[in-house]
Amino acid sequence: SLEIDPYSHEAKFNLGQMQIYNKDLKVGWSNFQSRWFYHNFKAVPFKSSKKQLTSLNKLEKILIWAEQGIGDQIMYGSMFTEISTFSKKVTIKFDKRLIKIFEKKHKKINFVANSTDIKEEEYDAHLPLGDLGIFFRKDLNSFKNVKFPYIDFDKKIFTKVKKTFNFKNKFVIGISWTSKNEEIGESKSINLTDLTPILKLSNMTFLDLEYKDAKKDKEKLYEEKKIQIHRFEDIDYFNDILAVTSIIKSCDLIITCSNVNAHISGALGKKTFLLLPIGKGRLLNWSSENNHSIWYPSVKIFQQIKPGDWSFPINQLKEEVLKCQNY
């Protein structure tokens, strides 16, 4: 495409995503910037008369603004500590649900909600969140700079979960199986019944981490397989990310498809098994080295070998779950 049209922003954007996924990082981040000129990219650029950050020379005040989904924001949050060393004041403007899980771990940074109006005198330069990689993820070694966990949890909720599910000889696993992404969520999601080979394993307790109401899915599973999945009904799983983070922290293991829970669990450094589609639905986020995420070393990836068929990765995952329990 680029040989035909060297100025095709769509082609450069797609090429950049593939290069980042394949760990050709330096040139990948450069091409990834073409997203702002691609007509189907949904994020809205930040309007400012101030310059965009182009170098890491010492600046008094920097504004970083979110542009993508909450999962991406958590992933790029792995670079917050690094950017904070280059400025006396760093302001991060992102999804308000994330403020509570980041603020205690990054006390030098001022976190504000996307809806907050930031005056131009409050910063010297600004940068979209997705461009932090240009400065801090130029090669594989740079991913080793992250100290996990880089997000926080609520100790009261953590203790509550531990007490509630402190069953003798029970291995507690948090699970989620759907993605809410409008364009590719269906490709990333799994039917709950497809997870039966894992769910029917003995001496295990499963906690529902779904953001949507999955009552029908769970009722069907119980009727057909007599398998029960537990949930804290008094928690708002969509809005209270701190509570979700606390539940995930309390589990022995997380099993999830590619969604926000995968990012939360990875940012916590929690042992996680990720079920990933091949082809459509496989994003640059899940670039791997030895089947482990380069962004989250605690996340092991189990990928389809045939689009739409989850049997192979689920059977692989079953064997790994048994090893974890025995260990």
Protein backbone atom coordinates (compact mmCIF):
# COMPACT_ATOMS: atom_id res chain seq x y z
CA SER A 1 0.00 0.00 0.00
CA LEU A 2 2.77 2.42 0.87
CA GLU A 3 4.55 1.72 -2.41
CA ILE A 4 1.37 2.80 -4.19
CA ASP A 5 0.66 5.71 -1.83
CA PRO A 6 3.57 6.71 0.46
CA TYR A 7 1.25 9.16 2.24
CA SER A 8 -1.44 6.65 3.20
CA HIS A 9 -2.03 7.34 6.90
CA GLU A 10 -4.17 4.22 7.26
CA ALA A 11 -1.36 2.03 5.95
CA LYS A 12 1.26 3.71 8.16
CA PHE A 13 -0.97 3.40 11.22
CA ASN A 14 -1.59 -0.31 10.59
CA LEU A 15 2.10 -0.88 9.82
CA GLY A 16 3.06 0.86 13.06
CA GLN A 17 0.77 -1.41 15.08
CA MET A 18 2.24 -4.52 13.46
CA GLN A 19 5.80 -3.28 14.00
CA ILE A 20 5.17 -2.62 17.68
CA TYR A 21 3.55 -6.05 18.04
CA ASN A 22 6.60 -7.62 16.37
CA LYS A 23 8.93 -5.62 18.64
CA ASP A 24 10.35 -3.39 15.91
CA LEU A 25 9.71 -0.64 18.39
CA LYS A 26 11.60 2.46 17.32
CA VAL A 27 10.19 2.61 13.78
CA GLY A 28 6.85 1.21 15.02
CA TRP A 29 6.21 4.11 17.40
CA SER A 30 7.07 6.55 14.61
CA ASN A 31 4.51 5.04 12.21
CA PHE A 32 1.99 4.73 15.04
CA GLN A 33 1.76 8.54 15.11
CA SER A 34 -0.06 8.38 11.76
CA ARG A 35 -3.17 7.45 13.74
CA TRP A 36 -3.94 11.15 14.14
CA PHE A 37 -4.30 11.55 10.38
CA TYR A 38 -6.33 8.38 9.81
CA HIS A 39 -10.02 9.22 9.40
CA ASN A 40 -11.27 6.15 11.29
CA PHE A 41 -9.19 6.75 14.42
CA LYS A 42 -11.79 7.64 17.03
CA ALA A 43 -9.74 9.56 19.59
CA VAL A 44 -9.94 13.35 19.52
CA PRO A 45 -6.64 15.28 19.58
CA PHE A 46 -6.02 17.61 22.49
CA LYS A 47 -6.37 21.26 21.47
CA SER A 48 -3.64 23.56 22.71
CA SER A 49 -1.44 26.39 21.50
CA LYS A 50 1.41 24.91 23.53
CA LYS A 51 3.95 22.66 21.83
CA GLN A 52 3.81 18.86 21.86
CA LEU A 53 6.67 17.21 23.72
CA THR A 54 9.47 16.26 21.30
CA SER A 55 12.45 15.73 23.61
CA LEU A 56 13.16 14.87 27.22
CA ASN A 57 15.01 18.05 28.05
CA LYS A 58 14.12 19.20 31.52
CA LEU A 59 10.74 20.93 31.57
CA GLU A 60 8.96 22.54 34.49
CA LYS A 61 5.48 21.23 33.66
CA ILE A 62 4.22 18.43 31.38
CA LEU A 63 0.66 17.39 30.56
CA ILE A 64 -0.03 13.83 29.41
CA TRP A 65 -3.52 13.23 28.01
CA ALA A 66 -5.38 9.97 27.40
CA GLU A 67 -6.61 9.07 23.94
CA GLN A 68 -7.58 5.39 23.97
CA GLY A 69 -9.47 2.87 26.10
CA ILE A 70 -9.03 2.19 29.79
CA GLY A 71 -6.93 -0.93 29.18
CA ASP A 72 -4.45 1.03 27.06
CA GLN A 73 -4.33 3.74 29.71
CA ILE A 74 -3.36 1.17 32.35
CA MET A 75 -0.71 -0.32 30.04
CA TYR A 76 0.88 3.04 29.22
CA GLY A 77 0.72 3.78 32.96
CA SER A 78 3.78 1.55 33.27
CA MET A 79 5.77 4.57 32.03
CA PHE A 80 4.39 7.13 34.49
CA THR A 81 7.30 6.79 36.90
CA GLU A 82 9.78 7.35 34.08
CA ILE A 83 8.13 10.50 32.71
CA SER A 84 7.84 11.94 36.23
CA THR A 85 11.64 12.08 36.52
CA PHE A 86 11.86 14.59 33.66
CA SER A 87 9.63 17.30 35.08
CA LYS A 88 8.93 19.04 38.35
CA LYS A 89 5.21 18.74 37.65
CA VAL A 90 3.50 16.04 35.59
CA THR A 91 -0.25 16.08 35.13
CA ILE A 92 -1.98 12.96 33.78
CA LYS A 93 -5.42 13.57 32.30
CA PHE A 94 -7.26 10.25 31.91
CA ASP A 95 -10.28 8.13 32.86
CA LYS A 96 -11.46 9.19 36.32
CA ARG A 97 -12.00 5.54 37.32
CA LEU A 98 -8.23 5.04 37.29
CA ILE A 99 -7.26 7.86 39.63
CA LYS A 100 -7.63 5.82 42.83
CA ILE A 101 -5.49 2.92 41.61
CA PHE A 102 -2.64 5.17 40.42
CA GLU A 103 -2.41 8.12 42.81
CA LYS A 104 -0.85 6.36 45.84
CA LYS A 105 1.80 4.63 43.74
CA HIS A 106 2.75 7.84 41.91
CA LYS A 107 2.65 10.61 44.48
CA LYS A 108 4.74 13.01 42.37
CA ILE A 109 2.09 13.04 39.63
CA ASN A 110 -1.11 15.07 39.55
CA PHE A 111 -3.94 12.87 38.24
CA VAL A 112 -7.12 14.48 36.91
CA ALA A 113 -10.22 13.23 35.12
CA ASN A 114 -10.67 13.58 31.37
CA SER A 115 -13.46 16.08 32.00
CA THR A 116 -11.14 18.46 33.90
CA ASP A 117 -10.38 21.74 32.16
CA ILE A 118 -6.62 22.32 32.15
CA LYS A 119 -5.45 25.90 31.59
CA GLU A 120 -2.46 26.36 29.30
CA GLU A 121 -0.41 28.12 31.94
CA GLU A 122 -0.45 24.88 33.93
CA TYR A 123 1.92 23.10 31.50
CA ASP A 124 4.87 23.87 29.20
CA ALA A 125 4.35 20.95 26.78
CA HIS A 126 1.88 18.15 26.27
CA LEU A 127 1.87 14.61 24.89
CA PRO A 128 -0.74 11.98 24.01
CA LEU A 129 -0.47 8.95 26.28
CA GLY A 130 0.18 6.57 23.38
CA ASP A 131 3.37 8.46 22.44
CA LEU A 132 5.16 7.78 25.73
CA GLY A 133 6.59 4.68 24.06
CA ILE A 134 8.61 6.87 21.68
CA PHE A 135 10.72 7.97 24.64
CA PHE A 136 10.60 5.03 27.04
CA ARG A 137 10.04 1.80 25.06
CA LYS A 138 12.61 1.89 22.28
CA ASP A 139 13.80 -1.69 22.80
CA LEU A 140 12.98 -4.83 24.78
CA ASN A 141 15.41 -4.00 27.58
CA SER A 142 13.45 -0.82 28.36
CA PHE A 143 10.48 -2.91 29.57
CA LYS A 144 12.66 -4.09 32.46
CA ASN A 145 12.47 -0.59 33.97
CA VAL A 146 8.96 -1.22 35.32
CA LYS A 147 8.53 -1.97 39.01
CA PHE A 148 5.44 -4.11 39.68
CA PRO A 149 2.86 -3.53 40.98
CA TYR A 150 2.47 0.00 39.65
CA ILE A 151 -1.22 0.27 40.62
CA ASP A 152 -2.80 0.02 44.06
CA PHE A 153 -5.73 -1.83 45.67
CA ASP A 154 -8.06 -1.40 48.65
CA LYS A 155 -6.87 -3.48 51.60
CA LYS A 156 -10.35 -3.64 53.18
CA ILE A 157 -11.93 -5.14 50.07
CA PHE A 158 -8.92 -7.43 49.64
CA THR A 159 -9.37 -8.73 53.20
CA LYS A 160 -13.13 -9.14 52.69
CA VAL A 161 -12.58 -11.31 49.61
CA LYS A 162 -9.95 -13.38 51.37
CA LYS A 163 -12.25 -14.03 54.34
CA THR A 164 -15.28 -14.80 52.18
CA PHE A 165 -13.50 -17.34 50.00
CA ASN A 166 -10.98 -18.75 52.42
CA PHE A 167 -12.11 -22.33 51.77
CA LYS A 168 -9.71 -25.05 52.83
CA ASN A 169 -7.75 -26.52 49.90
CA LYS A 170 -9.55 -24.26 47.46
CA PHE A 171 -7.62 -22.52 44.69
CA VAL A 172 -9.33 -19.17 43.98
CA ILE A 173 -9.41 -18.12 40.32
CA GLY A 174 -10.84 -14.85 38.99
CA ILE A 175 -12.29 -15.22 35.49
CA SER A 176 -13.69 -12.98 32.75
CA TRP A 177 -14.62 -14.09 29.28
CA THR A 178 -16.01 -11.15 27.30
CA SER A 179 -14.76 -7.88 25.81
CA LYS A 180 -16.96 -4.82 25.41
CA ASN A 181 -14.98 -3.46 22.46
CA GLU A 182 -17.56 -2.46 19.83
CA GLU A 183 -15.42 -3.34 16.81
CA ILE A 184 -13.50 -6.47 17.82
CA GLY A 185 -15.05 -7.53 21.14
CA GLU A 186 -16.79 -10.52 19.59
CA SER A 187 -13.49 -11.90 18.26
CA LYS A 188 -11.85 -11.51 21.69
CA SER A 189 -14.75 -12.95 23.71
CA ILE A 190 -15.31 -16.57 24.71
CA ASN A 191 -18.52 -18.47 25.47
CA LEU A 192 -18.51 -19.31 29.17
CA THR A 193 -19.41 -22.94 28.44
CA ASP A 194 -16.24 -23.25 26.32
CA LEU A 195 -14.28 -22.87 29.56
CA THR A 196 -15.90 -26.01 31.03
CA PRO A 197 -12.67 -28.10 30.88
CA ILE A 198 -11.18 -25.65 33.38
CA LEU A 199 -14.30 -24.81 35.37
CA LYS A 200 -15.02 -28.45 36.24
CA LEU A 201 -11.59 -29.00 37.81
CA SER A 202 -11.85 -29.98 41.47
CA ASN A 203 -10.85 -27.97 44.55
CA MET A 204 -11.24 -24.63 42.81
CA THR A 205 -13.40 -21.59 43.46
CA PHE A 206 -14.19 -19.23 40.59
CA LEU A 207 -14.95 -15.51 40.97
CA ASP A 208 -16.81 -13.60 38.27
CA LEU A 209 -14.90 -10.47 37.15
CA GLU A 210 -17.23 -9.52 34.29
CA TYR A 211 -18.11 -5.85 33.94
CA LYS A 212 -21.54 -6.64 32.51
CA ASP A 213 -24.30 -8.63 34.20
CA ALA A 214 -23.45 -12.25 33.30
CA LYS A 215 -26.29 -13.79 35.31
CA LYS A 216 -27.79 -15.63 32.30
CA ASP A 217 -24.42 -17.07 31.29
CA LYS A 218 -23.83 -18.37 34.80
CA GLU A 219 -27.34 -19.75 35.20
CA LYS A 220 -26.98 -21.67 31.95
CA LEU A 221 -23.62 -23.03 33.10
CA TYR A 222 -25.09 -24.19 36.40
CA GLU A 223 -28.12 -25.80 34.75
CA GLU A 224 -26.03 -27.70 32.21
CA LYS A 225 -22.81 -28.39 34.11
CA LYS A 226 -23.67 -27.79 37.81
CA ILE A 227 -20.76 -25.36 38.02
CA GLN A 228 -21.11 -22.29 40.23
CA ILE A 229 -19.30 -18.99 39.74
CA HIS A 230 -19.37 -16.50 42.64
CA ARG A 231 -19.71 -12.71 42.53
CA PHE A 232 -19.86 -9.75 44.91
CA GLU A 233 -23.23 -8.27 43.99
CA ASP A 234 -22.67 -5.09 46.02
CA ILE A 235 -19.73 -3.95 43.86
CA ASP A 236 -20.06 -1.82 40.73
CA TYR A 237 -17.60 -3.66 38.49
CA PHE A 238 -17.80 -1.06 35.72
CA ASN A 239 -17.21 2.11 37.73
CA ASP A 240 -15.35 0.94 40.83
CA ILE A 241 -12.02 -0.10 39.32
CA LEU A 242 -10.34 0.07 42.74
CA ALA A 243 -12.70 -2.64 44.01
CA VAL A 244 -12.11 -4.80 40.93
CA THR A 245 -8.36 -4.37 41.39
CA SER A 246 -8.73 -5.48 45.03
CA ILE A 247 -10.66 -8.62 44.05
CA ILE A 248 -8.08 -9.50 41.40
CA LYS A 249 -5.28 -8.97 43.93
CA SER A 250 -6.94 -11.43 46.31
CA CYS A 251 -7.13 -14.29 43.80
CA ASP A 252 -4.51 -17.02 43.39
CA LEU A 253 -4.77 -16.82 39.60
CA ILE A 254 -6.57 -14.83 36.90
CA ILE A 255 -7.95 -16.34 33.68
CA THR A 256 -9.25 -13.81 31.20
CA CYS A 257 -9.74 -12.88 27.58
CA SER A 258 -8.21 -9.68 26.21
CA ASN A 259 -10.02 -7.00 28.22
CA VAL A 260 -9.43 -4.50 31.02
CA ASN A 261 -9.01 -7.25 33.63
CA ALA A 262 -5.97 -8.54 31.76
CA HIS A 263 -4.34 -5.12 32.08
CA ILE A 264 -5.29 -4.70 35.74
CA SER A 265 -3.95 -8.13 36.63
CA GLY A 266 -0.76 -7.56 34.66
CA ALA A 267 -0.17 -4.16 36.26
CA LEU A 268 -0.53 -5.80 39.68
CA GLY A 269 2.05 -8.42 38.73
CA LYS A 270 -0.59 -11.10 39.35
CA LYS A 271 -0.15 -14.52 37.76
CA THR A 272 -2.46 -14.38 34.76
CA PHE A 273 -3.43 -16.70 31.91
CA LEU A 274 -4.63 -14.74 28.88
CA LEU A 275 -6.73 -16.35 26.15
CA LEU A 276 -5.94 -14.51 22.94
CA PRO A 277 -7.47 -14.73 19.46
CA ILE A 278 -5.38 -15.03 16.32
CA GLY A 279 -5.95 -12.53 13.53
CA LYS A 280 -8.80 -10.12 14.21
CA GLY A 281 -8.86 -9.08 17.86
CA ARG A 282 -5.14 -9.58 18.52
CA LEU A 283 -3.82 -6.12 19.40
CA LEU A 284 -0.34 -4.62 19.69
CA ASN A 285 -0.80 -4.74 23.50
CA TRP A 286 -0.06 -8.46 23.58
CA SER A 287 3.35 -8.62 21.99
CA SER A 288 5.16 -11.47 23.70
CA GLU A 289 8.52 -13.02 24.46
CA ASN A 290 8.52 -16.75 25.27
CA ASN A 291 4.69 -16.67 25.46
CA HIS A 292 4.73 -13.96 28.13
CA SER A 293 3.60 -10.36 27.60
CA ILE A 294 6.48 -7.91 27.20
CA TRP A 295 4.35 -5.27 28.99
CA TYR A 296 3.29 -7.59 31.82
CA PRO A 297 5.76 -10.45 32.52
CA SER A 298 3.24 -12.14 34.87
CA VAL A 299 0.80 -12.64 31.97
CA LYS A 300 1.21 -15.89 30.04
CA ILE A 301 -0.50 -15.96 26.63
CA PHE A 302 -2.49 -18.87 25.23
CA GLN A 303 -3.36 -18.10 21.63
CA GLN A 304 -5.71 -19.67 19.10
CA ILE A 305 -4.16 -21.51 16.16
CA LYS A 306 -7.40 -21.22 14.17
CA PRO A 307 -9.60 -18.10 14.16
CA GLY A 308 -12.75 -18.59 16.22
CA ASP A 309 -11.62 -21.91 17.73
CA TRP A 310 -10.74 -21.74 21.43
CA SER A 311 -10.27 -25.49 22.00
CA PHE A 312 -6.48 -25.54 21.56
CA PRO A 313 -5.57 -22.68 23.96
CA ILE A 314 -8.17 -23.83 26.52
CA ASN A 315 -6.73 -27.36 26.60
CA GLN A 316 -3.24 -25.90 26.99
CA LEU A 317 -4.48 -23.65 29.77
CA LYS A 318 -6.11 -26.55 31.60
CA GLU A 319 -2.74 -28.28 31.98
CA GLU A 320 -1.16 -25.08 33.28
CA VAL A 321 -3.93 -24.56 35.84
CA LEU A 322 -3.38 -28.07 37.17
CA LYS A 323 0.33 -27.35 37.55
CA CYS A 324 -0.42 -24.14 39.46
CA GLN A 325 -2.76 -25.91 41.84
CA ASN A 326 -0.33 -28.73 42.50
CA TYR A 327 2.47 -26.24 43.08
